[in-house]
Amino acid sequence: MHEKWKRARALRSAATDAENHLWRYLRRENLAGFKFRRQYPIAGYIADFVCIPLRLVIELDGGQHLNASKYDATRTRDIEACGFRVIRFWNDDVLLRTESVLEEILRKLGEA
């Protein structure tokens, strides 16, 4: 198994509370029938969630991202260079404002 896939599998096993919470809504085509994958390798990175047919990546950011804006911008640019759109949400928003997050995801999916 390629190293990126091993790392993705390990990340799925160690998912954050926010990732597990959002996954409940995205898995098994629960969100308006759209299929998502989690911890999926793209452009040398491992995206938190991706809807491959519509080329949409969802990234969840915790407090560690406050000091990583330059890295996150490079990561986003590299993923977008592969033809994906990237949207980001703070973990707190996923946990405390789930409906708003889901509405924004659906809006982005509708733009495809």
PDB file of N, CA and C in Angstrom:
ATOM      1  N   MET A   1       0.848  -1.179   0.000  1.00  0.00           N
ATOM      2  CA  MET A   1       0.000   0.000   0.000  1.00  0.00           C
ATOM      3  C   MET A   1       0.898   1.249   0.000  1.00  0.00           C
ATOM      4  N   HIS A   2       0.580   2.192  -0.838  1.00  0.00           N
ATOM      5  CA  HIS A   2       1.356   3.430  -0.941  1.00  0.00           C
ATOM      6  C   HIS A   2       1.310   4.193   0.382  1.00  0.00           C
ATOM      7  N   GLU A   3       2.389   4.890   0.691  1.00  0.00           N
ATOM      8  CA  GLU A   3       2.532   5.575   1.986  1.00  0.00           C
ATOM      9  C   GLU A   3       1.414   6.583   2.264  1.00  0.00           C
ATOM     10  N   LYS A   4       0.972   7.323   1.243  1.00  0.00           N
ATOM     11  CA  LYS A   4      -0.113   8.305   1.443  1.00  0.00           C
ATOM     12  C   LYS A   4      -1.406   7.616   1.863  1.00  0.00           C
ATOM     13  N   TRP A   5      -1.677   6.452   1.291  1.00  0.00           N
ATOM     14  CA  TRP A   5      -2.905   5.728   1.644  1.00  0.00           C
ATOM     15  C   TRP A   5      -2.821   5.186   3.065  1.00  0.00           C
ATOM     16  N   LYS A   6      -1.622   4.747   3.473  1.00  0.00           N
ATOM     17  CA  LYS A   6      -1.445   4.297   4.858  1.00  0.00           C
ATOM     18  C   LYS A   6      -1.681   5.450   5.824  1.00  0.00           C
ATOM     19  N   ARG A   7      -1.133   6.616   5.488  1.00  0.00           N
ATOM     20  CA  ARG A   7      -1.307   7.803   6.334  1.00  0.00           C
ATOM     21  C   ARG A   7      -2.780   8.204   6.392  1.00  0.00           C
ATOM     22  N   ALA A   8      -3.471   8.138   5.271  1.00  0.00           N
ATOM     23  CA  ALA A   8      -4.898   8.474   5.237  1.00  0.00           C
ATOM     24  C   ALA A   8      -5.685   7.535   6.142  1.00  0.00           C
ATOM     25  N   ARG A   9      -5.365   6.259   6.087  1.00  0.00           N
ATOM     26  CA  ARG A   9      -6.054   5.286   6.942  1.00  0.00           C
ATOM     27  C   ARG A   9      -5.815   5.598   8.420  1.00  0.00           C
ATOM     28  N   ALA A  10      -4.586   5.942   8.758  1.00  0.00           N
ATOM     29  CA  ALA A  10      -4.260   6.289  10.152  1.00  0.00           C
ATOM     30  C   ALA A  10      -5.019   7.540  10.593  1.00  0.00           C
ATOM     31  N   LEU A  11      -5.128   8.528   9.707  1.00  0.00           N
ATOM     32  CA  LEU A  11      -5.864   9.745  10.050  1.00  0.00           C
ATOM     33  C   LEU A  11      -7.354   9.471  10.249  1.00  0.00           C
ATOM     34  N   ARG A  12      -7.911   8.545   9.472  1.00  0.00           N
ATOM     35  CA  ARG A  12      -9.326   8.186   9.663  1.00  0.00           C
ATOM     36  C   ARG A  12      -9.538   7.579  11.039  1.00  0.00           C
ATOM     37  N   SER A  13      -8.575   6.816  11.497  1.00  0.00           N
ATOM     38  CA  SER A  13      -8.676   6.182  12.823  1.00  0.00           C
ATOM     39  C   SER A  13      -8.514   7.182  13.953  1.00  0.00           C
ATOM     40  N   ALA A  14      -7.835   8.297  13.678  1.00  0.00           N
ATOM     41  CA  ALA A  14      -7.569   9.304  14.716  1.00  0.00           C
ATOM     42  C   ALA A  14      -8.314  10.605  14.429  1.00  0.00           C
ATOM     43  N   ALA A  15      -9.512  10.503  13.882  1.00  0.00           N
ATOM     44  CA  ALA A  15     -10.279  11.690  13.490  1.00  0.00           C
ATOM     45  C   ALA A  15     -10.614  12.564  14.697  1.00  0.00           C
ATOM     46  N   THR A  16     -10.686  13.869  14.441  1.00  0.00           N
ATOM     47  CA  THR A  16     -11.077  14.808  15.493  1.00  0.00           C
ATOM     48  C   THR A  16     -12.579  14.707  15.738  1.00  0.00           C
ATOM     49  N   ASP A  17     -13.023  15.299  16.832  1.00  0.00           N
ATOM     50  CA  ASP A  17     -14.464  15.323  17.119  1.00  0.00           C
ATOM     51  C   ASP A  17     -15.233  15.999  15.983  1.00  0.00           C
ATOM     52  N   ALA A  18     -14.689  17.102  15.474  1.00  0.00           N
ATOM     53  CA  ALA A  18     -15.363  17.816  14.386  1.00  0.00           C
ATOM     54  C   ALA A  18     -15.438  16.956  13.122  1.00  0.00           C
ATOM     55  N   GLU A  19     -14.359  16.253  12.801  1.00  0.00           N
ATOM     56  CA  GLU A  19     -14.372  15.379  11.625  1.00  0.00           C
ATOM     57  C   GLU A  19     -15.396  14.263  11.789  1.00  0.00           C
ATOM     58  N   ASN A  20     -15.429  13.636  12.955  1.00  0.00           N
ATOM     59  CA  ASN A  20     -16.416  12.576  13.188  1.00  0.00           C
ATOM     60  C   ASN A  20     -17.832  13.115  13.114  1.00  0.00           C
ATOM     61  N   HIS A  21     -18.045  14.307  13.644  1.00  0.00           N
ATOM     62  CA  HIS A  21     -19.380  14.916  13.625  1.00  0.00           C
ATOM     63  C   HIS A  21     -19.836  15.190  12.189  1.00  0.00           C
ATOM     64  N   LEU A  22     -18.985  15.830  11.401  1.00  0.00           N
ATOM     65  CA  LEU A  22     -19.368  16.143  10.018  1.00  0.00           C
ATOM     66  C   LEU A  22     -19.520  14.874   9.195  1.00  0.00           C
ATOM     67  N   TRP A  23     -18.691  13.883   9.448  1.00  0.00           N
ATOM     68  CA  TRP A  23     -18.758  12.629   8.692  1.00  0.00           C
ATOM     69  C   TRP A  23     -20.119  11.966   8.844  1.00  0.00           C
ATOM     70  N   ARG A  24     -20.757  12.120   9.990  1.00  0.00           N
ATOM     71  CA  ARG A  24     -22.104  11.552  10.186  1.00  0.00           C
ATOM     72  C   ARG A  24     -23.084  12.094   9.140  1.00  0.00           C
ATOM     73  N   TYR A  25     -22.880  13.320   8.706  1.00  0.00           N
ATOM     74  CA  TYR A  25     -23.774  13.942   7.725  1.00  0.00           C
ATOM     75  C   TYR A  25     -23.348  13.674   6.287  1.00  0.00           C
ATOM     76  N   LEU A  26     -22.056  13.417   6.072  1.00  0.00           N
ATOM     77  CA  LEU A  26     -21.547  13.248   4.712  1.00  0.00           C
ATOM     78  C   LEU A  26     -21.502  11.789   4.258  1.00  0.00           C
ATOM     79  N   ARG A  27     -21.375  10.863   5.177  1.00  0.00           N
ATOM     80  CA  ARG A  27     -21.180   9.469   4.802  1.00  0.00           C
ATOM     81  C   ARG A  27     -22.440   8.862   4.196  1.00  0.00           C
ATOM     82  N   ARG A  28     -22.240   7.820   3.459  1.00  0.00           N
ATOM     83  CA  ARG A  28     -23.335   7.054   2.837  1.00  0.00           C
ATOM     84  C   ARG A  28     -24.306   7.928   2.045  1.00  0.00           C
ATOM     85  N   GLU A  29     -23.773   8.964   1.418  1.00  0.00           N
ATOM     86  CA  GLU A  29     -24.575   9.850   0.576  1.00  0.00           C
ATOM     87  C   GLU A  29     -25.732  10.491   1.340  1.00  0.00           C
ATOM     88  N   ASN A  30     -25.541  10.742   2.639  1.00  0.00           N
ATOM     89  CA  ASN A  30     -26.580  11.340   3.475  1.00  0.00           C
ATOM     90  C   ASN A  30     -26.890  12.781   3.109  1.00  0.00           C
ATOM     91  N   LEU A  31     -25.934  13.503   2.571  1.00  0.00           N
ATOM     92  CA  LEU A  31     -26.142  14.912   2.256  1.00  0.00           C
ATOM     93  C   LEU A  31     -26.610  15.043   0.807  1.00  0.00           C
ATOM     94  N   ALA A  32     -27.918  15.057   0.635  1.00  0.00           N
ATOM     95  CA  ALA A  32     -28.564  15.254  -0.676  1.00  0.00           C
ATOM     96  C   ALA A  32     -28.063  14.273  -1.738  1.00  0.00           C
ATOM     97  N   GLY A  33     -27.622  13.100  -1.320  1.00  0.00           N
ATOM     98  CA  GLY A  33     -27.199  12.076  -2.264  1.00  0.00           C
ATOM     99  C   GLY A  33     -25.789  12.218  -2.801  1.00  0.00           C
ATOM    100  N   PHE A  34     -25.024  13.194  -2.304  1.00  0.00           N
ATOM    101  CA  PHE A  34     -23.650  13.378  -2.768  1.00  0.00           C
ATOM    102  C   PHE A  34     -22.720  12.406  -2.056  1.00  0.00           C
ATOM    103  N   LYS A  35     -21.820  11.805  -2.810  1.00  0.00           N
ATOM    104  CA  LYS A  35     -20.866  10.848  -2.239  1.00  0.00           C
ATOM    105  C   LYS A  35     -19.583  11.565  -1.843  1.00  0.00           C
ATOM    106  N   PHE A  36     -19.179  11.369  -0.592  1.00  0.00           N
ATOM    107  CA  PHE A  36     -17.939  11.937  -0.076  1.00  0.00           C
ATOM    108  C   PHE A  36     -17.001  10.837   0.370  1.00  0.00           C
ATOM    109  N   ARG A  37     -15.723  11.124   0.318  1.00  0.00           N
ATOM    110  CA  ARG A  37     -14.687  10.279   0.898  1.00  0.00           C
ATOM    111  C   ARG A  37     -13.991  11.112   1.953  1.00  0.00           C
ATOM    112  N   ARG A  38     -13.441  10.442   2.949  1.00  0.00           N
ATOM    113  CA  ARG A  38     -12.714  11.196   3.974  1.00  0.00           C
ATOM    114  C   ARG A  38     -11.254  10.784   3.997  1.00  0.00           C
ATOM    115  N   GLN A  39     -10.414  11.743   4.411  1.00  0.00           N
ATOM    116  CA  GLN A  39      -8.966  11.537   4.462  1.00  0.00           C
ATOM    117  C   GLN A  39      -8.472  10.941   3.148  1.00  0.00           C
ATOM    118  N   TYR A  40      -8.613  11.742   2.094  1.00  0.00           N
ATOM    119  CA  TYR A  40      -8.327  11.278   0.742  1.00  0.00           C
ATOM    120  C   TYR A  40      -7.105  12.013   0.164  1.00  0.00           C
ATOM    121  N   PRO A  41      -6.089  11.284  -0.315  1.00  0.00           N
ATOM    122  CA  PRO A  41      -4.889  11.932  -0.858  1.00  0.00           C
ATOM    123  C   PRO A  41      -5.157  12.694  -2.164  1.00  0.00           C
ATOM    124  N   ILE A  42      -4.728  13.963  -2.172  1.00  0.00           N
ATOM    125  CA  ILE A  42      -4.812  14.812  -3.363  1.00  0.00           C
ATOM    126  C   ILE A  42      -3.595  15.732  -3.366  1.00  0.00           C
ATOM    127  N   ALA A  43      -2.909  15.794  -4.458  1.00  0.00           N
ATOM    128  CA  ALA A  43      -1.804  16.743  -4.671  1.00  0.00           C
ATOM    129  C   ALA A  43      -0.724  16.655  -3.591  1.00  0.00           C
ATOM    130  N   GLY A  44      -0.485  15.467  -3.080  1.00  0.00           N
ATOM    131  CA  GLY A  44       0.541  15.309  -2.053  1.00  0.00           C
ATOM    132  C   GLY A  44       0.072  15.623  -0.646  1.00  0.00           C
ATOM    133  N   TYR A  45      -1.199  15.960  -0.491  1.00  0.00           N
ATOM    134  CA  TYR A  45      -1.795  16.244   0.820  1.00  0.00           C
ATOM    135  C   TYR A  45      -2.909  15.237   1.060  1.00  0.00           C
ATOM    136  N   ILE A  46      -3.409  15.226   2.274  1.00  0.00           N
ATOM    137  CA  ILE A  46      -4.560  14.379   2.569  1.00  0.00           C
ATOM    138  C   ILE A  46      -5.714  15.289   2.940  1.00  0.00           C
ATOM    139  N   ALA A  47      -6.701  15.363   2.052  1.00  0.00           N
ATOM    140  CA  ALA A  47      -7.862  16.224   2.252  1.00  0.00           C
ATOM    141  C   ALA A  47      -8.780  15.598   3.290  1.00  0.00           C
ATOM    142  N   ASP A  48      -9.391  16.433   4.131  1.00  0.00           N
ATOM    143  CA  ASP A  48     -10.297  15.912   5.156  1.00  0.00           C
ATOM    144  C   ASP A  48     -11.481  15.198   4.518  1.00  0.00           C
ATOM    145  N   PHE A  49     -12.157  15.871   3.590  1.00  0.00           N
ATOM    146  CA  PHE A  49     -13.312  15.292   2.891  1.00  0.00           C
ATOM    147  C   PHE A  49     -13.275  15.740   1.442  1.00  0.00           C
ATOM    148  N   VAL A  50     -13.749  14.879   0.537  1.00  0.00           N
ATOM    149  CA  VAL A  50     -13.789  15.246  -0.873  1.00  0.00           C
ATOM    150  C   VAL A  50     -14.995  14.598  -1.542  1.00  0.00           C
ATOM    151  N   CYS A  51     -15.659  15.398  -2.368  1.00  0.00           N
ATOM    152  CA  CYS A  51     -16.690  14.890  -3.267  1.00  0.00           C
ATOM    153  C   CYS A  51     -16.029  14.865  -4.642  1.00  0.00           C
ATOM    154  N   ILE A  52     -15.572  13.701  -5.040  1.00  0.00           N
ATOM    155  CA  ILE A  52     -14.776  13.582  -6.253  1.00  0.00           C
ATOM    156  C   ILE A  52     -15.555  13.980  -7.510  1.00  0.00           C
ATOM    157  N   PRO A  53     -16.792  13.515  -7.702  1.00  0.00           N
ATOM    158  CA  PRO A  53     -17.487  13.882  -8.942  1.00  0.00           C
ATOM    159  C   PRO A  53     -17.642  15.395  -9.130  1.00  0.00           C
ATOM    160  N   LEU A  54     -17.813  16.137  -8.041  1.00  0.00           N
ATOM    161  CA  LEU A  54     -17.982  17.589  -8.146  1.00  0.00           C
ATOM    162  C   LEU A  54     -16.721  18.356  -7.802  1.00  0.00           C
ATOM    163  N   ARG A  55     -15.631  17.623  -7.552  1.00  0.00           N
ATOM    164  CA  ARG A  55     -14.309  18.226  -7.325  1.00  0.00           C
ATOM    165  C   ARG A  55     -14.327  19.260  -6.200  1.00  0.00           C
ATOM    166  N   LEU A  56     -14.962  18.890  -5.083  1.00  0.00           N
ATOM    167  CA  LEU A  56     -15.048  19.786  -3.928  1.00  0.00           C
ATOM    168  C   LEU A  56     -14.347  19.158  -2.731  1.00  0.00           C
ATOM    169  N   VAL A  57     -13.406  19.905  -2.153  1.00  0.00           N
ATOM    170  CA  VAL A  57     -12.678  19.481  -0.964  1.00  0.00           C
ATOM    171  C   VAL A  57     -13.169  20.312   0.218  1.00  0.00           C
ATOM    172  N   ILE A  58     -13.398  19.636   1.335  1.00  0.00           N
ATOM    173  CA  ILE A  58     -13.779  20.304   2.580  1.00  0.00           C
ATOM    174  C   ILE A  58     -12.658  20.089   3.581  1.00  0.00           C
ATOM    175  N   GLU A  59     -12.124  21.186   4.091  1.00  0.00           N
ATOM    176  CA  GLU A  59     -11.062  21.133   5.086  1.00  0.00           C
ATOM    177  C   GLU A  59     -11.586  21.687   6.402  1.00  0.00           C
ATOM    178  N   LEU A  60     -11.281  21.005   7.496  1.00  0.00           N
ATOM    179  CA  LEU A  60     -11.659  21.468   8.827  1.00  0.00           C
ATOM    180  C   LEU A  60     -10.404  21.941   9.539  1.00  0.00           C
ATOM    181  N   ASP A  61     -10.509  23.112  10.145  1.00  0.00           N
ATOM    182  CA  ASP A  61      -9.365  23.728  10.790  1.00  0.00           C
ATOM    183  C   ASP A  61      -9.590  23.903  12.279  1.00  0.00           C
ATOM    184  N   GLY A  62      -8.624  23.462  13.050  1.00  0.00           N
ATOM    185  CA  GLY A  62      -8.629  23.673  14.491  1.00  0.00           C
ATOM    186  C   GLY A  62      -7.679  24.801  14.846  1.00  0.00           C
ATOM    187  N   GLY A  63      -7.436  24.976  16.120  1.00  0.00           N
ATOM    188  CA  GLY A  63      -6.595  26.056  16.606  1.00  0.00           C
ATOM    189  C   GLY A  63      -5.195  26.062  16.037  1.00  0.00           C
ATOM    190  N   GLN A  64      -4.653  24.900  15.684  1.00  0.00           N
ATOM    191  CA  GLN A  64      -3.299  24.837  15.145  1.00  0.00           C
ATOM    192  C   GLN A  64      -3.183  25.587  13.825  1.00  0.00           C
ATOM    193  N   HIS A  65      -4.302  25.834  13.162  1.00  0.00           N
ATOM    194  CA  HIS A  65      -4.279  26.514  11.869  1.00  0.00           C
ATOM    195  C   HIS A  65      -4.136  28.028  12.001  1.00  0.00           C
ATOM    196  N   LEU A  66      -4.289  28.555  13.204  1.00  0.00           N
ATOM    197  CA  LEU A  66      -4.110  29.992  13.407  1.00  0.00           C
ATOM    198  C   LEU A  66      -2.704  30.426  13.023  1.00  0.00           C
ATOM    199  N   ASN A  67      -1.727  29.563  13.241  1.00  0.00           N
ATOM    200  CA  ASN A  67      -0.332  29.875  12.942  1.00  0.00           C
ATOM    201  C   ASN A  67       0.157  29.217  11.655  1.00  0.00           C
ATOM    202  N   ALA A  68      -0.768  28.692  10.867  1.00  0.00           N
ATOM    203  CA  ALA A  68      -0.374  27.960   9.666  1.00  0.00           C
ATOM    204  C   ALA A  68      -1.021  28.530   8.402  1.00  0.00           C
ATOM    205  N   SER A  69      -1.354  29.796   8.405  1.00  0.00           N
ATOM    206  CA  SER A  69      -2.089  30.366   7.274  1.00  0.00           C
ATOM    207  C   SER A  69      -1.298  30.286   5.962  1.00  0.00           C
ATOM    208  N   LYS A  70       0.010  30.463   6.035  1.00  0.00           N
ATOM    209  CA  LYS A  70       0.836  30.379   4.826  1.00  0.00           C
ATOM    210  C   LYS A  70       0.822  28.953   4.269  1.00  0.00           C
ATOM    211  N   TYR A  71       0.999  27.978   5.139  1.00  0.00           N
ATOM    212  CA  TYR A  71       0.951  26.564   4.725  1.00  0.00           C
ATOM    213  C   TYR A  71      -0.429  26.227   4.152  1.00  0.00           C
ATOM    214  N   ASP A  72      -1.489  26.664   4.845  1.00  0.00           N
ATOM    215  CA  ASP A  72      -2.848  26.372   4.376  1.00  0.00           C
ATOM    216  C   ASP A  72      -3.109  26.993   3.006  1.00  0.00           C
ATOM    217  N   ALA A  73      -2.592  28.212   2.777  1.00  0.00           N
ATOM    218  CA  ALA A  73      -2.776  28.868   1.483  1.00  0.00           C
ATOM    219  C   ALA A  73      -2.059  28.090   0.375  1.00  0.00           C
ATOM    220  N   THR A  74      -0.858  27.609   0.660  1.00  0.00           N
ATOM    221  CA  THR A  74      -0.116  26.812  -0.322  1.00  0.00           C
ATOM    222  C   THR A  74      -0.847  25.503  -0.596  1.00  0.00           C
ATOM    223  N   ARG A  75      -1.296  24.877   0.452  1.00  0.00           N
ATOM    224  CA  ARG A  75      -2.040  23.612   0.335  1.00  0.00           C
ATOM    225  C   ARG A  75      -3.289  23.804  -0.525  1.00  0.00           C
ATOM    226  N   THR A  76      -4.040  24.858  -0.234  1.00  0.00           N
ATOM    227  CA  THR A  76      -5.261  25.149  -0.998  1.00  0.00           C
ATOM    228  C   THR A  76      -4.916  25.387  -2.464  1.00  0.00           C
ATOM    229  N   ARG A  77      -3.891  26.189  -2.727  1.00  0.00           N
ATOM    230  CA  ARG A  77      -3.490  26.495  -4.104  1.00  0.00           C
ATOM    231  C   ARG A  77      -3.089  25.215  -4.845  1.00  0.00           C
ATOM    232  N   ASP A  78      -2.341  24.339  -4.193  1.00  0.00           N
ATOM    233  CA  ASP A  78      -1.907  23.089  -4.830  1.00  0.00           C
ATOM    234  C   ASP A  78      -3.094  22.178  -5.142  1.00  0.00           C
ATOM    235  N   ILE A  79      -4.027  22.090  -4.230  1.00  0.00           N
ATOM    236  CA  ILE A  79      -5.219  21.256  -4.455  1.00  0.00           C
ATOM    237  C   ILE A  79      -6.075  21.860  -5.568  1.00  0.00           C
ATOM    238  N   GLU A  80      -6.229  23.180  -5.562  1.00  0.00           N
ATOM    239  CA  GLU A  80      -6.999  23.845  -6.615  1.00  0.00           C
ATOM    240  C   GLU A  80      -6.334  23.672  -7.983  1.00  0.00           C
ATOM    241  N   ALA A  81      -5.014  23.596  -8.008  1.00  0.00           N
ATOM    242  CA  ALA A  81      -4.296  23.387  -9.271  1.00  0.00           C
ATOM    243  C   ALA A  81      -4.631  22.027  -9.884  1.00  0.00           C
ATOM    244  N   CYS A  82      -5.138  21.116  -9.068  1.00  0.00           N
ATOM    245  CA  CYS A  82      -5.564  19.794  -9.555  1.00  0.00           C
ATOM    246  C   CYS A  82      -7.036  19.788  -9.964  1.00  0.00           C
ATOM    247  N   GLY A  83      -7.649  20.971  -9.990  1.00  0.00           N
ATOM    248  CA  GLY A  83      -9.027  21.073 -10.465  1.00  0.00           C
ATOM    249  C   GLY A  83     -10.094  20.971  -9.391  1.00  0.00           C
ATOM    250  N   PHE A  84      -9.716  21.068  -8.127  1.00  0.00           N
ATOM    251  CA  PHE A  84     -10.677  20.997  -7.030  1.00  0.00           C
ATOM    252  C   PHE A  84     -10.961  22.389  -6.488  1.00  0.00           C
ATOM    253  N   ARG A  85     -12.142  22.579  -5.932  1.00  0.00           N
ATOM    254  CA  ARG A  85     -12.463  23.777  -5.154  1.00  0.00           C
ATOM    255  C   ARG A  85     -12.294  23.389  -3.698  1.00  0.00           C
ATOM    256  N   VAL A  86     -11.815  24.299  -2.875  1.00  0.00           N
ATOM    257  CA  VAL A  86     -11.568  24.019  -1.462  1.00  0.00           C
ATOM    258  C   VAL A  86     -12.391  24.987  -0.621  1.00  0.00           C
ATOM    259  N   ILE A  87     -13.127  24.433   0.346  1.00  0.00           N
ATOM    260  CA  ILE A  87     -13.792  25.273   1.338  1.00  0.00           C
ATOM    261  C   ILE A  87     -13.308  24.837   2.714  1.00  0.00           C
ATOM    262  N   ARG A  88     -13.200  25.808   3.603  1.00  0.00           N
ATOM    263  CA  ARG A  88     -12.671  25.560   4.948  1.00  0.00           C
ATOM    264  C   ARG A  88     -13.684  25.981   5.992  1.00  0.00           C
ATOM    265  N   PHE A  89     -13.722  25.199   7.071  1.00  0.00           N
ATOM    266  CA  PHE A  89     -14.561  25.518   8.219  1.00  0.00           C
ATOM    267  C   PHE A  89     -13.745  25.322   9.486  1.00  0.00           C
ATOM    268  N   TRP A  90     -13.994  26.161  10.464  1.00  0.00           N
ATOM    269  CA  TRP A  90     -13.392  25.964  11.779  1.00  0.00           C
ATOM    270  C   TRP A  90     -14.104  24.808  12.471  1.00  0.00           C
ATOM    271  N   ASN A  91     -13.366  24.051  13.251  1.00  0.00           N
ATOM    272  CA  ASN A  91     -13.948  22.943  14.008  1.00  0.00           C
ATOM    273  C   ASN A  91     -15.127  23.405  14.844  1.00  0.00           C
ATOM    274  N   ASP A  92     -14.989  24.568  15.509  1.00  0.00           N
ATOM    275  CA  ASP A  92     -16.088  25.079  16.340  1.00  0.00           C
ATOM    276  C   ASP A  92     -17.363  25.291  15.535  1.00  0.00           C
ATOM    277  N   ASP A  93     -17.226  25.779  14.297  1.00  0.00           N
ATOM    278  CA  ASP A  93     -18.406  25.979  13.461  1.00  0.00           C
ATOM    279  C   ASP A  93     -19.086  24.651  13.145  1.00  0.00           C
ATOM    280  N   VAL A  94     -18.280  23.641  12.861  1.00  0.00           N
ATOM    281  CA  VAL A  94     -18.839  22.317  12.560  1.00  0.00           C
ATOM    282  C   VAL A  94     -19.603  21.779  13.770  1.00  0.00           C
ATOM    283  N   LEU A  95     -19.035  21.952  14.946  1.00  0.00           N
ATOM    284  CA  LEU A  95     -19.647  21.399  16.158  1.00  0.00           C
ATOM    285  C   LEU A  95     -20.812  22.235  16.685  1.00  0.00           C
ATOM    286  N   LEU A  96     -20.738  23.549  16.551  1.00  0.00           N
ATOM    287  CA  LEU A  96     -21.739  24.428  17.166  1.00  0.00           C
ATOM    288  C   LEU A  96     -22.734  25.022  16.182  1.00  0.00           C
ATOM    289  N   ARG A  97     -22.380  25.066  14.909  1.00  0.00           N
ATOM    290  CA  ARG A  97     -23.247  25.648  13.888  1.00  0.00           C
ATOM    291  C   ARG A  97     -23.347  24.696  12.691  1.00  0.00           C
ATOM    292  N   THR A  98     -23.658  23.466  12.995  1.00  0.00           N
ATOM    293  CA  THR A  98     -23.666  22.402  11.987  1.00  0.00           C
ATOM    294  C   THR A  98     -24.583  22.723  10.817  1.00  0.00           C
ATOM    295  N   GLU A  99     -25.790  23.188  11.096  1.00  0.00           N
ATOM    296  CA  GLU A  99     -26.744  23.460  10.014  1.00  0.00           C
ATOM    297  C   GLU A  99     -26.197  24.500   9.040  1.00  0.00           C
ATOM    298  N   SER A 100     -25.558  25.541   9.550  1.00  0.00           N
ATOM    299  CA  SER A 100     -24.977  26.572   8.678  1.00  0.00           C
ATOM    300  C   SER A 100     -23.862  25.991   7.816  1.00  0.00           C
ATOM    301  N   VAL A 101     -23.046  25.132   8.403  1.00  0.00           N
ATOM    302  CA  VAL A 101     -21.963  24.483   7.659  1.00  0.00           C
ATOM    303  C   VAL A 101     -22.546  23.611   6.551  1.00  0.00           C
ATOM    304  N   LEU A 102     -23.556  22.827   6.878  1.00  0.00           N
ATOM    305  CA  LEU A 102     -24.171  21.949   5.876  1.00  0.00           C
ATOM    306  C   LEU A 102     -24.812  22.765   4.754  1.00  0.00           C
ATOM    307  N   GLU A 103     -25.450  23.873   5.101  1.00  0.00           N
ATOM    308  CA  GLU A 103     -26.050  24.738   4.086  1.00  0.00           C
ATOM    309  C   GLU A 103     -24.987  25.295   3.144  1.00  0.00           C
ATOM    310  N   GLU A 104     -23.847  25.697   3.693  1.00  0.00           N
ATOM    311  CA  GLU A 104     -22.763  26.224   2.860  1.00  0.00           C
ATOM    312  C   GLU A 104     -22.193  25.132   1.955  1.00  0.00           C
ATOM    313  N   ILE A 105     -22.049  23.926   2.472  1.00  0.00           N
ATOM    314  CA  ILE A 105     -21.562  22.815   1.650  1.00  0.00           C
ATOM    315  C   ILE A 105     -22.538  22.553   0.506  1.00  0.00           C
ATOM    316  N   LEU A 106     -23.825  22.513   0.813  1.00  0.00           N
ATOM    317  CA  LEU A 106     -24.834  22.287  -0.240  1.00  0.00           C
ATOM    318  C   LEU A 106     -24.813  23.408  -1.284  1.00  0.00           C
ATOM    319  N   ARG A 107     -24.622  24.640  -0.825  1.00  0.00           N
ATOM    320  CA  ARG A 107     -24.547  25.769  -1.752  1.00  0.00           C
ATOM    321  C   ARG A 107     -23.367  25.585  -2.701  1.00  0.00           C
ATOM    322  N   LYS A 108     -22.197  25.192  -2.161  1.00  0.00           N
ATOM    323  CA  LYS A 108     -21.015  24.977  -2.986  1.00  0.00           C
ATOM    324  C   LYS A 108     -21.213  23.809  -3.963  1.00  0.00           C
ATOM    325  N   LEU A 109     -21.868  22.761  -3.490  1.00  0.00           N
ATOM    326  CA  LEU A 109     -22.135  21.621  -4.356  1.00  0.00           C
ATOM    327  C   LEU A 109     -23.055  22.026  -5.506  1.00  0.00           C
ATOM    328  N   GLY A 110     -24.001  22.922  -5.217  1.00  0.00           N
ATOM    329  CA  GLY A 110     -24.919  23.409  -6.248  1.00  0.00           C
ATOM    330  C   GLY A 110     -24.260  24.305  -7.284  1.00  0.00           C
ATOM    331  N   GLU A 111     -23.101  24.853  -6.967  1.00  0.00           N
ATOM    332  CA  GLU A 111     -22.373  25.720  -7.889  1.00  0.00           C
ATOM    333  C   GLU A 111     -21.584  24.926  -8.927  1.00  0.00           C
ATOM    334  N   ALA A 112     -21.461  23.634  -8.707  1.00  0.00           N
ATOM    335  CA  ALA A 112     -20.640  22.803  -9.605  1.00  0.00           C
ATOM    336  C   ALA A 112     -21.285  22.626 -10.965  1.00  0.00           C
TER     337      ALA A 112
END
